[in-house]
Amino acid sequence: MAEQIYDVIIIGAGPAGLTAALYCGRYRMRTLLLEKMVVGGQILLSASIENFPGFPQGVVTAELIERMKKQIENLNIFEKNAEATGINIKQHEGYPLFTVNTTEGDFQAYSLIIATGAHWKRLGVPGEQRFIGKGVSFCGTCDAPLFRKKEICVVGGGDKAIEEAIFLSGYASKVTVIHRRATLRAIEILQEQAKAKPNISFIFNSVVTEIKGDNTLEGVYIRSLNTEEKTFISCQGVFIFIGIQPNTEFLKGIIDLDDSGFVKVNSRKQTSCAGIFACGDCIEKHLYQVITACAEGAEAAHSAHNYILHQHRK
C-alpha cells in the first residue's frame, strides 16, 4: 500500500493551527494536524479570555479551545501527537513534496502550514511556574480585567512591557515596573506616557528573584544589582514581558526567518518557499492575540488550498 500523501500538514494546534484545520477540512483537503504537546498552545497559560468576539462575559480558555476542537471533529482531519524536528523537500511528479520528520516518524504532504507558535521567555525563578494562570501572566490584554483595583508588577523595560504597563494601569490600582537596566529600552513616547500615569512607578537596576504566595500570589522578592539588597514588594499579579521566542528552530535553512527567528510571510501568509505557509505567533507581526492567530490561520489555509488547486491535485 502506497504511503499516504496529504494535501497539507499543519504543524501546531493552537488557535492558528486549529482554525487552519477547520478551513482545510471544509475545503475537503486531506489534512494532517501535528501537535507536540497539548492542543491549544500557549494561550492555555491564560485562564480566560475577555476580548474574543462573541463572548461578552469572557470565555474560559480551555472551553474556547474545546469548542475549536469539536468544530473539526467531523471534517476527516487526521491528528497526530508528534513534534516536528525537520523538513525535507524533493520533487514528485514535477511538484514539490514535503517530508516532515517527527518524533513519531515521517509524514508527507504537497503543502505545509507552520503554526508552531512562540513562547514567552520565563524568569526561571521560584514560584513562577506554580502561579502561571493564577497571578503570573504573559498577556496584559488578555488578563487585565482580572486585576481590577489590585496591585501588580510588570517585569521588563522594552516596548511590549511599557505598552502593557500603560494598558494595565487602566485596571490595576498600582503598577510597579521592574527593570534590570538603569533606563527603559522602550521608545521615548511610550516612556513619556507611562511616566505620566500616576499609578505607574519604576524600580531600576533590579531583578525578580522569587514569586511568593501560599494559596494565592502575595508578592515578589527583588534584588538590587547595585547593592545586592533584597526587597519584598506586595502585589497580586506579576506580568512578565522579557521577550518572546518563536518555535521555529527546525525551520532554519528551509524558509526565511528574521533575526529573532520569526517566519517571514507576505499578506497571503506565504513563506519564501512555495508550498509552505505560516500563521499565528511564529510569524513576524505586531499583535499577538487569539483573534489575529485565527484570522491568519484562515488566510494560510485559503492560500494552501489555492496552491493545491493550482497544482491540479484536487
C-alpha atoms as a PDB file:
ATOM      1  CA  MET A   1       0.000   0.000   0.000  1.00  0.00           C
ATOM      2  CA  ALA A   2       1.396   3.388  -1.016  1.00  0.00           C
ATOM      3  CA  GLU A   3       2.366   5.770   1.772  1.00  0.00           C
ATOM      4  CA  GLN A   4      -0.287   8.401   2.498  1.00  0.00           C
ATOM      5  CA  ILE A   5       0.480  11.773   0.958  1.00  0.00           C
ATOM      6  CA  TYR A   6      -1.573  14.578   2.472  1.00  0.00           C
ATOM      7  CA  ASP A   7      -2.643  17.722   0.690  1.00  0.00           C
ATOM      8  CA  VAL A   8      -1.467  19.701   3.719  1.00  0.00           C
ATOM      9  CA  ILE A   9       0.258  19.101   7.024  1.00  0.00           C
ATOM     10  CA  ILE A  10      -0.451  21.695   9.704  1.00  0.00           C
ATOM     11  CA  ILE A  11       2.316  21.857  12.310  1.00  0.00           C
ATOM     12  CA  GLY A  12       0.919  23.184  15.571  1.00  0.00           C
ATOM     13  CA  ALA A  13      -2.560  23.012  17.090  1.00  0.00           C
ATOM     14  CA  GLY A  14      -3.009  26.319  18.834  1.00  0.00           C
ATOM     15  CA  PRO A  15      -5.760  28.735  17.739  1.00  0.00           C
ATOM     16  CA  ALA A  16      -3.992  29.392  14.402  1.00  0.00           C
ATOM     17  CA  GLY A  17      -3.461  25.709  13.621  1.00  0.00           C
ATOM     18  CA  LEU A  18      -6.971  24.722  14.708  1.00  0.00           C
ATOM     19  CA  THR A  19      -8.508  27.439  12.527  1.00  0.00           C
ATOM     20  CA  ALA A  20      -6.327  26.393   9.594  1.00  0.00           C
ATOM     21  CA  ALA A  21      -7.513  22.798  10.138  1.00  0.00           C
ATOM     22  CA  LEU A  22     -11.139  23.966  10.179  1.00  0.00           C
ATOM     23  CA  TYR A  23     -10.771  25.725   6.834  1.00  0.00           C
ATOM     24  CA  CYS A  24      -8.664  22.976   5.244  1.00  0.00           C
ATOM     25  CA  GLY A  25     -11.228  20.400   6.348  1.00  0.00           C
ATOM     26  CA  ARG A  26     -14.075  22.388   4.882  1.00  0.00           C
ATOM     27  CA  TYR A  27     -12.080  22.670   1.654  1.00  0.00           C
ATOM     28  CA  ARG A  28     -12.019  18.846   1.713  1.00  0.00           C
ATOM     29  CA  MET A  29      -8.232  18.793   1.743  1.00  0.00           C
ATOM     30  CA  ARG A  30      -6.504  15.667   3.038  1.00  0.00           C
ATOM     31  CA  THR A  31      -5.185  17.208   6.239  1.00  0.00           C
ATOM     32  CA  LEU A  32      -2.829  16.060   8.989  1.00  0.00           C
ATOM     33  CA  LEU A  33      -2.637  18.146  12.176  1.00  0.00           C
ATOM     34  CA  LEU A  34       0.530  17.699  14.234  1.00  0.00           C
ATOM     35  CA  GLU A  35       0.882  18.902  17.827  1.00  0.00           C
ATOM     36  CA  LYS A  36       3.851  18.133  20.063  1.00  0.00           C
ATOM     37  CA  MET A  37       2.155  18.907  23.369  1.00  0.00           C
ATOM     38  CA  VAL A  38      -1.401  19.842  24.343  1.00  0.00           C
ATOM     39  CA  VAL A  39      -3.910  21.074  21.753  1.00  0.00           C
ATOM     40  CA  GLY A  40      -4.466  24.757  22.424  1.00  0.00           C
ATOM     41  CA  GLY A  41      -0.924  26.032  22.662  1.00  0.00           C
ATOM     42  CA  GLN A  42       0.430  28.863  24.764  1.00  0.00           C
ATOM     43  CA  ILE A  43      -2.939  30.596  25.204  1.00  0.00           C
ATOM     44  CA  LEU A  44      -3.819  27.907  27.769  1.00  0.00           C
ATOM     45  CA  LEU A  45      -1.473  29.776  30.130  1.00  0.00           C
ATOM     46  CA  SER A  46      -4.278  32.346  30.414  1.00  0.00           C
ATOM     47  CA  ALA A  47      -7.226  31.076  32.436  1.00  0.00           C
ATOM     48  CA  SER A  48      -9.770  33.120  30.478  1.00  0.00           C
ATOM     49  CA  ILE A  49     -10.090  35.481  27.507  1.00  0.00           C
ATOM     50  CA  GLU A  50     -12.237  38.593  27.736  1.00  0.00           C
ATOM     51  CA  ASN A  51     -11.668  40.102  24.292  1.00  0.00           C
ATOM     52  CA  PHE A  52     -12.659  37.263  21.953  1.00  0.00           C
ATOM     53  CA  PRO A  53     -15.692  38.284  19.837  1.00  0.00           C
ATOM     54  CA  GLY A  54     -18.990  36.639  20.690  1.00  0.00           C
ATOM     55  CA  PHE A  55     -18.337  36.208  24.412  1.00  0.00           C
ATOM     56  CA  PRO A  56     -19.470  39.419  26.160  1.00  0.00           C
ATOM     57  CA  GLN A  57     -18.768  37.912  29.599  1.00  0.00           C
ATOM     58  CA  GLY A  58     -15.445  36.458  28.504  1.00  0.00           C
ATOM     59  CA  VAL A  59     -14.732  32.770  27.980  1.00  0.00           C
ATOM     60  CA  VAL A  60     -12.689  30.182  29.847  1.00  0.00           C
ATOM     61  CA  THR A  61      -9.685  29.497  27.616  1.00  0.00           C
ATOM     62  CA  ALA A  62      -9.961  25.711  27.889  1.00  0.00           C
ATOM     63  CA  GLU A  63     -13.624  25.944  26.873  1.00  0.00           C
ATOM     64  CA  LEU A  64     -12.812  28.012  23.786  1.00  0.00           C
ATOM     65  CA  ILE A  65     -10.132  25.536  22.700  1.00  0.00           C
ATOM     66  CA  GLU A  66     -12.521  22.637  23.319  1.00  0.00           C
ATOM     67  CA  ARG A  67     -15.100  24.294  21.060  1.00  0.00           C
ATOM     68  CA  MET A  68     -12.465  24.739  18.355  1.00  0.00           C
ATOM     69  CA  LYS A  69     -11.523  21.049  18.649  1.00  0.00           C
ATOM     70  CA  LYS A  70     -15.152  19.947  18.400  1.00  0.00           C
ATOM     71  CA  GLN A  71     -15.625  22.070  15.282  1.00  0.00           C
ATOM     72  CA  ILE A  72     -13.107  19.986  13.334  1.00  0.00           C
ATOM     73  CA  GLU A  73     -14.206  16.579  14.655  1.00  0.00           C
ATOM     74  CA  ASN A  74     -16.338  15.621  11.652  1.00  0.00           C
ATOM     75  CA  LEU A  75     -14.104  17.079   8.947  1.00  0.00           C
ATOM     76  CA  ASN A  76     -11.910  13.999   8.491  1.00  0.00           C
ATOM     77  CA  ILE A  77      -8.834  15.723   9.931  1.00  0.00           C
ATOM     78  CA  PHE A  78      -6.076  13.286  10.834  1.00  0.00           C
ATOM     79  CA  GLU A  79      -4.369  14.174  14.115  1.00  0.00           C
ATOM     80  CA  LYS A  80      -1.030  13.038  15.498  1.00  0.00           C
ATOM     81  CA  ASN A  81       0.739  13.856  18.740  1.00  0.00           C
ATOM     82  CA  ALA A  82       4.277  14.390  17.469  1.00  0.00           C
ATOM     83  CA  GLU A  83       6.983  17.041  17.433  1.00  0.00           C
ATOM     84  CA  ALA A  84       8.305  18.211  14.071  1.00  0.00           C
ATOM     85  CA  THR A  85      12.092  18.005  14.013  1.00  0.00           C
ATOM     86  CA  GLY A  86      12.904  18.752  10.380  1.00  0.00           C
ATOM     87  CA  ILE A  87      11.610  19.216   6.834  1.00  0.00           C
ATOM     88  CA  ASN A  88      12.928  17.727   3.598  1.00  0.00           C
ATOM     89  CA  ILE A  89      11.858  18.784   0.122  1.00  0.00           C
ATOM     90  CA  LYS A  90      12.063  16.785  -3.096  1.00  0.00           C
ATOM     91  CA  GLN A  91      10.345  16.821  -6.477  1.00  0.00           C
ATOM     92  CA  HIS A  92       7.484  14.401  -7.060  1.00  0.00           C
ATOM     93  CA  GLU A  93       5.761  14.290 -10.443  1.00  0.00           C
ATOM     94  CA  GLY A  94       7.111  17.733 -11.191  1.00  0.00           C
ATOM     95  CA  TYR A  95       5.921  19.328  -7.931  1.00  0.00           C
ATOM     96  CA  PRO A  96       7.494  19.875  -4.505  1.00  0.00           C
ATOM     97  CA  LEU A  97       6.815  17.120  -1.992  1.00  0.00           C
ATOM     98  CA  PHE A  98       7.459  17.896   1.665  1.00  0.00           C
ATOM     99  CA  THR A  99       8.524  15.308   4.198  1.00  0.00           C
ATOM    100  CA  VAL A 100       8.068  16.337   7.819  1.00  0.00           C
ATOM    101  CA  ASN A 101      10.382  14.454  10.159  1.00  0.00           C
ATOM    102  CA  THR A 102       8.822  13.994  13.594  1.00  0.00           C
ATOM    103  CA  THR A 103       9.381  12.139  16.839  1.00  0.00           C
ATOM    104  CA  GLU A 104       6.742   9.649  15.647  1.00  0.00           C
ATOM    105  CA  GLY A 105       8.012   9.055  12.118  1.00  0.00           C
ATOM    106  CA  ASP A 106       7.930  10.865   8.773  1.00  0.00           C
ATOM    107  CA  PHE A 107       4.846  12.301   7.068  1.00  0.00           C
ATOM    108  CA  GLN A 108       4.474  13.645   3.519  1.00  0.00           C
ATOM    109  CA  ALA A 109       2.361  16.391   2.011  1.00  0.00           C
ATOM    110  CA  TYR A 110       2.118  18.644  -1.017  1.00  0.00           C
ATOM    111  CA  SER A 111       1.899  21.745   1.194  1.00  0.00           C
ATOM    112  CA  LEU A 112       2.651  22.793   4.772  1.00  0.00           C
ATOM    113  CA  ILE A 113       1.175  25.296   7.203  1.00  0.00           C
ATOM    114  CA  ILE A 114       3.534  26.296  10.002  1.00  0.00           C
ATOM    115  CA  ALA A 115       1.592  27.219  13.143  1.00  0.00           C
ATOM    116  CA  THR A 116       4.148  26.338  15.795  1.00  0.00           C
ATOM    117  CA  GLY A 117       3.598  29.480  17.845  1.00  0.00           C
ATOM    118  CA  ALA A 118       6.047  31.003  20.277  1.00  0.00           C
ATOM    119  CA  HIS A 119       6.720  31.050  23.960  1.00  0.00           C
ATOM    120  CA  TRP A 120       7.248  33.916  26.334  1.00  0.00           C
ATOM    121  CA  LYS A 121      10.670  33.917  27.893  1.00  0.00           C
ATOM    122  CA  ARG A 122      10.500  32.988  31.560  1.00  0.00           C
ATOM    123  CA  LEU A 123      12.289  34.457  34.547  1.00  0.00           C
ATOM    124  CA  GLY A 124      13.219  30.999  35.789  1.00  0.00           C
ATOM    125  CA  VAL A 125      12.691  31.911  39.458  1.00  0.00           C
ATOM    126  CA  PRO A 126      10.960  30.004  42.272  1.00  0.00           C
ATOM    127  CA  GLY A 127       7.185  30.406  42.243  1.00  0.00           C
ATOM    128  CA  GLU A 128       6.920  31.430  38.587  1.00  0.00           C
ATOM    129  CA  GLN A 129       5.721  28.100  37.217  1.00  0.00           C
ATOM    130  CA  ARG A 130       3.417  27.484  40.156  1.00  0.00           C
ATOM    131  CA  PHE A 131       1.474  30.723  39.697  1.00  0.00           C
ATOM    132  CA  ILE A 132       1.173  30.768  35.891  1.00  0.00           C
ATOM    133  CA  GLY A 133      -2.510  31.355  35.223  1.00  0.00           C
ATOM    134  CA  LYS A 134      -3.010  32.087  38.928  1.00  0.00           C
ATOM    135  CA  GLY A 135      -1.427  35.513  39.161  1.00  0.00           C
ATOM    136  CA  VAL A 136       1.512  35.203  36.770  1.00  0.00           C
ATOM    137  CA  SER A 137       0.594  36.276  33.249  1.00  0.00           C
ATOM    138  CA  PHE A 138       2.260  36.942  29.917  1.00  0.00           C
ATOM    139  CA  CYS A 139      -0.649  38.863  28.360  1.00  0.00           C
ATOM    140  CA  GLY A 140      -1.985  42.134  29.759  1.00  0.00           C
ATOM    141  CA  THR A 141      -4.597  42.474  27.036  1.00  0.00           C
ATOM    142  CA  CYS A 142      -5.956  39.025  27.950  1.00  0.00           C
ATOM    143  CA  ASP A 143      -5.855  39.209  31.728  1.00  0.00           C
ATOM    144  CA  ALA A 144      -6.042  42.881  32.761  1.00  0.00           C
ATOM    145  CA  PRO A 145      -9.746  42.717  33.775  1.00  0.00           C
ATOM    146  CA  LEU A 146      -8.869  40.030  36.327  1.00  0.00           C
ATOM    147  CA  PHE A 147      -6.761  42.567  38.230  1.00  0.00           C
ATOM    148  CA  ARG A 148      -9.178  45.466  38.645  1.00  0.00           C
ATOM    149  CA  LYS A 149      -8.223  47.589  41.670  1.00  0.00           C
ATOM    150  CA  LYS A 150      -5.320  45.269  42.509  1.00  0.00           C
ATOM    151  CA  GLU A 151      -1.597  45.914  42.762  1.00  0.00           C
ATOM    152  CA  ILE A 152       0.590  44.306  40.102  1.00  0.00           C
ATOM    153  CA  CYS A 153       4.203  44.186  38.956  1.00  0.00           C
ATOM    154  CA  VAL A 154       5.354  44.328  35.341  1.00  0.00           C
ATOM    155  CA  VAL A 155       8.774  42.824  34.626  1.00  0.00           C
ATOM    156  CA  GLY A 156      10.631  44.242  31.609  1.00  0.00           C
ATOM    157  CA  GLY A 157      11.559  47.564  30.056  1.00  0.00           C
ATOM    158  CA  GLY A 158      11.046  47.221  26.310  1.00  0.00           C
ATOM    159  CA  ASP A 159       8.186  48.440  24.129  1.00  0.00           C
ATOM    160  CA  LYS A 160       5.970  45.461  24.961  1.00  0.00           C
ATOM    161  CA  ALA A 161       6.454  45.786  28.716  1.00  0.00           C
ATOM    162  CA  ILE A 162       5.722  49.514  28.769  1.00  0.00           C
ATOM    163  CA  GLU A 163       2.772  49.239  26.375  1.00  0.00           C
ATOM    164  CA  GLU A 164       1.272  46.609  28.636  1.00  0.00           C
ATOM    165  CA  ALA A 165       2.037  48.599  31.787  1.00  0.00           C
ATOM    166  CA  ILE A 166       0.135  51.553  30.338  1.00  0.00           C
ATOM    167  CA  PHE A 167      -2.783  49.318  29.412  1.00  0.00           C
ATOM    168  CA  LEU A 168      -2.789  47.600  32.795  1.00  0.00           C
ATOM    169  CA  SER A 169      -2.766  50.948  34.612  1.00  0.00           C
ATOM    170  CA  GLY A 170      -6.350  51.417  33.437  1.00  0.00           C
ATOM    171  CA  TYR A 171      -7.373  48.418  35.556  1.00  0.00           C
ATOM    172  CA  ALA A 172      -4.902  47.995  38.398  1.00  0.00           C
ATOM    173  CA  SER A 173      -4.721  50.355  41.364  1.00  0.00           C
ATOM    174  CA  LYS A 174      -0.919  50.295  41.223  1.00  0.00           C
ATOM    175  CA  VAL A 175       1.575  49.129  38.604  1.00  0.00           C
ATOM    176  CA  THR A 176       5.239  48.685  39.517  1.00  0.00           C
ATOM    177  CA  VAL A 177       7.608  48.252  36.576  1.00  0.00           C
ATOM    178  CA  ILE A 178      10.743  46.282  37.469  1.00  0.00           C
ATOM    179  CA  HIS A 179      13.639  46.552  35.016  1.00  0.00           C
ATOM    180  CA  ARG A 180      17.137  45.119  35.215  1.00  0.00           C
ATOM    181  CA  ARG A 181      18.733  48.116  33.486  1.00  0.00           C
ATOM    182  CA  ALA A 182      19.229  51.734  34.573  1.00  0.00           C
ATOM    183  CA  THR A 183      16.930  53.067  31.864  1.00  0.00           C
ATOM    184  CA  LEU A 184      13.961  51.767  29.903  1.00  0.00           C
ATOM    185  CA  ARG A 185      14.515  50.387  26.402  1.00  0.00           C
ATOM    186  CA  ALA A 186      11.038  51.355  25.183  1.00  0.00           C
ATOM    187  CA  ILE A 187      10.649  54.165  22.647  1.00  0.00           C
ATOM    188  CA  GLU A 188      10.529  57.655  24.125  1.00  0.00           C
ATOM    189  CA  ILE A 189       6.823  58.297  23.524  1.00  0.00           C
ATOM    190  CA  LEU A 190       5.884  55.160  25.466  1.00  0.00           C
ATOM    191  CA  GLN A 191       8.179  56.170  28.305  1.00  0.00           C
ATOM    192  CA  GLU A 192       6.552  59.595  28.442  1.00  0.00           C
ATOM    193  CA  GLN A 193       3.063  58.100  28.504  1.00  0.00           C
ATOM    194  CA  ALA A 194       3.982  55.618  31.242  1.00  0.00           C
ATOM    195  CA  LYS A 195       5.685  58.212  33.412  1.00  0.00           C
ATOM    196  CA  ALA A 196       2.626  60.450  33.097  1.00  0.00           C
ATOM    197  CA  LYS A 197       0.422  57.768  34.691  1.00  0.00           C
ATOM    198  CA  PRO A 198       0.069  58.499  38.439  1.00  0.00           C
ATOM    199  CA  ASN A 199      -0.331  54.813  39.338  1.00  0.00           C
ATOM    200  CA  ILE A 200       2.792  53.572  37.488  1.00  0.00           C
ATOM    201  CA  SER A 201       6.118  53.543  39.356  1.00  0.00           C
ATOM    202  CA  PHE A 202       9.532  52.202  38.354  1.00  0.00           C
ATOM    203  CA  ILE A 203      12.273  50.188  40.003  1.00  0.00           C
ATOM    204  CA  PHE A 204      15.516  50.097  38.006  1.00  0.00           C
ATOM    205  CA  ASN A 205      18.688  48.011  38.223  1.00  0.00           C
ATOM    206  CA  SER A 206      16.753  45.211  39.882  1.00  0.00           C
ATOM    207  CA  VAL A 207      15.682  41.644  39.126  1.00  0.00           C
ATOM    208  CA  VAL A 208      12.925  39.432  40.468  1.00  0.00           C
ATOM    209  CA  THR A 209      14.396  36.533  42.443  1.00  0.00           C
ATOM    210  CA  GLU A 210      11.230  34.841  43.711  1.00  0.00           C
ATOM    211  CA  ILE A 211       7.450  34.963  43.361  1.00  0.00           C
ATOM    212  CA  LYS A 212       5.824  34.309  46.742  1.00  0.00           C
ATOM    213  CA  GLY A 213       2.456  33.138  47.969  1.00  0.00           C
ATOM    214  CA  ASP A 214       0.607  30.329  49.690  1.00  0.00           C
ATOM    215  CA  ASN A 215      -2.761  29.705  48.049  1.00  0.00           C
ATOM    216  CA  THR A 216      -2.626  32.991  46.145  1.00  0.00           C
ATOM    217  CA  LEU A 217       0.175  35.174  44.831  1.00  0.00           C
ATOM    218  CA  GLU A 218       1.250  37.626  47.533  1.00  0.00           C
ATOM    219  CA  GLY A 219       4.252  39.424  46.088  1.00  0.00           C
ATOM    220  CA  VAL A 220       7.792  39.245  44.724  1.00  0.00           C
ATOM    221  CA  TYR A 221      11.288  39.440  46.105  1.00  0.00           C
ATOM    222  CA  ILE A 222      13.629  41.619  44.083  1.00  0.00           C
ATOM    223  CA  ARG A 223      17.388  42.087  44.261  1.00  0.00           C
ATOM    224  CA  SER A 224      19.196  45.335  43.521  1.00  0.00           C
ATOM    225  CA  LEU A 225      22.007  44.825  41.009  1.00  0.00           C
ATOM    226  CA  ASN A 226      23.808  47.806  42.541  1.00  0.00           C
ATOM    227  CA  THR A 227      23.658  46.980  46.242  1.00  0.00           C
ATOM    228  CA  GLU A 228      22.586  43.289  46.271  1.00  0.00           C
ATOM    229  CA  GLU A 229      19.883  44.333  48.765  1.00  0.00           C
ATOM    230  CA  LYS A 230      16.729  42.200  48.726  1.00  0.00           C
ATOM    231  CA  THR A 231      13.274  43.763  48.981  1.00  0.00           C
ATOM    232  CA  PHE A 232       9.753  42.332  49.120  1.00  0.00           C
ATOM    233  CA  ILE A 233       7.034  44.008  47.035  1.00  0.00           C
ATOM    234  CA  SER A 234       3.438  43.171  47.803  1.00  0.00           C
ATOM    235  CA  CYS A 235       1.269  42.517  44.732  1.00  0.00           C
ATOM    236  CA  GLN A 236      -1.481  40.211  43.497  1.00  0.00           C
ATOM    237  CA  GLY A 237      -0.253  39.832  39.916  1.00  0.00           C
ATOM    238  CA  VAL A 238       3.025  39.606  38.009  1.00  0.00           C
ATOM    239  CA  PHE A 239       3.124  40.290  34.267  1.00  0.00           C
ATOM    240  CA  ILE A 240       6.327  39.148  32.576  1.00  0.00           C
ATOM    241  CA  PHE A 241       7.461  40.761  29.310  1.00  0.00           C
ATOM    242  CA  ILE A 242      11.128  39.984  28.818  1.00  0.00           C
ATOM    243  CA  GLY A 243      10.831  38.766  25.248  1.00  0.00           C
ATOM    244  CA  ILE A 244       9.158  36.152  23.087  1.00  0.00           C
ATOM    245  CA  GLN A 245      10.815  33.225  21.336  1.00  0.00           C
ATOM    246  CA  PRO A 246       9.235  31.621  18.229  1.00  0.00           C
ATOM    247  CA  ASN A 247       9.227  27.824  17.994  1.00  0.00           C
ATOM    248  CA  THR A 248      10.998  27.736  14.642  1.00  0.00           C
ATOM    249  CA  GLU A 249      14.403  26.197  15.309  1.00  0.00           C
ATOM    250  CA  PHE A 250      13.690  23.236  12.993  1.00  0.00           C
ATOM    251  CA  LEU A 251      12.917  25.611  10.087  1.00  0.00           C
ATOM    252  CA  LYS A 252      16.369  27.179   9.787  1.00  0.00           C
ATOM    253  CA  GLY A 253      17.654  26.798   6.238  1.00  0.00           C
ATOM    254  CA  ILE A 254      14.228  25.817   4.942  1.00  0.00           C
ATOM    255  CA  ILE A 255      12.411  29.177   4.897  1.00  0.00           C
ATOM    256  CA  ASP A 256      13.414  32.777   5.602  1.00  0.00           C
ATOM    257  CA  LEU A 257      13.354  33.810   9.258  1.00  0.00           C
ATOM    258  CA  ASP A 258      14.030  37.249  10.687  1.00  0.00           C
ATOM    259  CA  ASP A 259      16.872  37.935  13.135  1.00  0.00           C
ATOM    260  CA  SER A 260      14.708  36.833  16.061  1.00  0.00           C
ATOM    261  CA  GLY A 261      13.618  33.601  14.386  1.00  0.00           C
ATOM    262  CA  PHE A 262      10.123  34.649  13.336  1.00  0.00           C
ATOM    263  CA  VAL A 263       8.893  33.367   9.968  1.00  0.00           C
ATOM    264  CA  LYS A 264       8.750  35.983   7.225  1.00  0.00           C
ATOM    265  CA  VAL A 265       5.438  35.907   5.341  1.00  0.00           C
ATOM    266  CA  ASN A 266       3.614  38.093   2.831  1.00  0.00           C
ATOM    267  CA  SER A 267      -0.009  39.239   3.092  1.00  0.00           C
ATOM    268  CA  ARG A 268      -1.184  35.804   1.908  1.00  0.00           C
ATOM    269  CA  LYS A 269       0.848  34.044   4.600  1.00  0.00           C
ATOM    270  CA  GLN A 270       3.220  32.626   2.001  1.00  0.00           C
ATOM    271  CA  THR A 271       6.799  31.987   3.111  1.00  0.00           C
ATOM    272  CA  SER A 272       9.935  32.160   0.997  1.00  0.00           C
ATOM    273  CA  CYS A 273       9.360  28.550  -0.087  1.00  0.00           C
ATOM    274  CA  ALA A 274       6.490  27.810  -2.479  1.00  0.00           C
ATOM    275  CA  GLY A 275       4.006  25.477  -0.834  1.00  0.00           C
ATOM    276  CA  ILE A 276       4.898  26.443   2.750  1.00  0.00           C
ATOM    277  CA  PHE A 277       2.616  28.879   4.575  1.00  0.00           C
ATOM    278  CA  ALA A 278       2.716  30.176   8.139  1.00  0.00           C
ATOM    279  CA  CYS A 279       0.379  31.749  10.669  1.00  0.00           C
ATOM    280  CA  GLY A 280      -0.018  32.579  14.347  1.00  0.00           C
ATOM    281  CA  ASP A 281       2.598  33.657  16.848  1.00  0.00           C
ATOM    282  CA  CYS A 282       5.533  32.124  14.926  1.00  0.00           C
ATOM    283  CA  ILE A 283       5.281  34.766  12.180  1.00  0.00           C
ATOM    284  CA  GLU A 284       6.724  38.256  12.019  1.00  0.00           C
ATOM    285  CA  LYS A 285       3.913  40.607  13.156  1.00  0.00           C
ATOM    286  CA  HIS A 286       2.865  43.262  15.670  1.00  0.00           C
ATOM    287  CA  LEU A 287      -0.155  41.899  17.557  1.00  0.00           C
ATOM    288  CA  TYR A 288      -0.077  38.560  19.360  1.00  0.00           C
ATOM    289  CA  GLN A 289      -3.718  37.738  20.088  1.00  0.00           C
ATOM    290  CA  VAL A 290      -6.007  34.733  19.665  1.00  0.00           C
ATOM    291  CA  ILE A 291      -8.208  36.668  17.236  1.00  0.00           C
ATOM    292  CA  THR A 292      -5.277  37.550  14.954  1.00  0.00           C
ATOM    293  CA  ALA A 293      -3.944  33.983  15.098  1.00  0.00           C
ATOM    294  CA  CYS A 294      -7.340  32.665  13.998  1.00  0.00           C
ATOM    295  CA  ALA A 295      -7.528  35.131  11.112  1.00  0.00           C
ATOM    296  CA  GLU A 296      -4.024  34.199   9.991  1.00  0.00           C
ATOM    297  CA  GLY A 297      -4.901  30.501  10.185  1.00  0.00           C
ATOM    298  CA  ALA A 298      -7.842  31.072   7.856  1.00  0.00           C
ATOM    299  CA  GLU A 299      -5.642  33.039   5.442  1.00  0.00           C
ATOM    300  CA  ALA A 300      -2.937  30.366   5.438  1.00  0.00           C
ATOM    301  CA  ALA A 301      -5.497  27.623   4.755  1.00  0.00           C
ATOM    302  CA  HIS A 302      -7.047  29.621   1.920  1.00  0.00           C
ATOM    303  CA  SER A 303      -3.625  30.163   0.353  1.00  0.00           C
ATOM    304  CA  ALA A 304      -2.705  26.480   0.765  1.00  0.00           C
ATOM    305  CA  HIS A 305      -5.983  25.477  -0.880  1.00  0.00           C
ATOM    306  CA  ASN A 306      -5.352  27.796  -3.827  1.00  0.00           C
ATOM    307  CA  TYR A 307      -1.840  26.415  -4.119  1.00  0.00           C
ATOM    308  CA  ILE A 308      -3.123  22.821  -4.223  1.00  0.00           C
ATOM    309  CA  LEU A 309      -5.765  23.722  -6.810  1.00  0.00           C
ATOM    310  CA  HIS A 310      -3.135  25.411  -8.940  1.00  0.00           C
ATOM    311  CA  GLN A 311      -1.048  22.240  -8.789  1.00  0.00           C
ATOM    312  CA  HIS A 312      -4.121  20.291 -10.040  1.00  0.00           C
ATOM    313  CA  ARG A 313      -4.069  17.900  -7.124  1.00  0.00           C
ATOM    314  CA  LYS A 314      -7.755  18.061  -6.206  1.00  0.00           C
END
